[in-house]
């Protein structure tokens, strides 16, 4: 399983693009299907970008532990 961290203003549209478009990011194209296992919402883009950066600095183990703690999807 590969973990992907990113931000969007339209989560459903972003997932659809990751899973169906022939063009776009090679990273997600070769790791289909992309499955959403955790998300957070923010009031501003600035807040979202800060959180994205914070999570991207975490180790894989810390990300998995956070996901497991917050959801029952894994």
Foldseek 3Di string as FASTA:
>chain_A
DDDDFDDDPDVVVVLCCLADDPDDDPVSVVVPPDDDQDDDDDDDPVVSVVVSVVLVVDDPVVNVVVSVVVDVPD
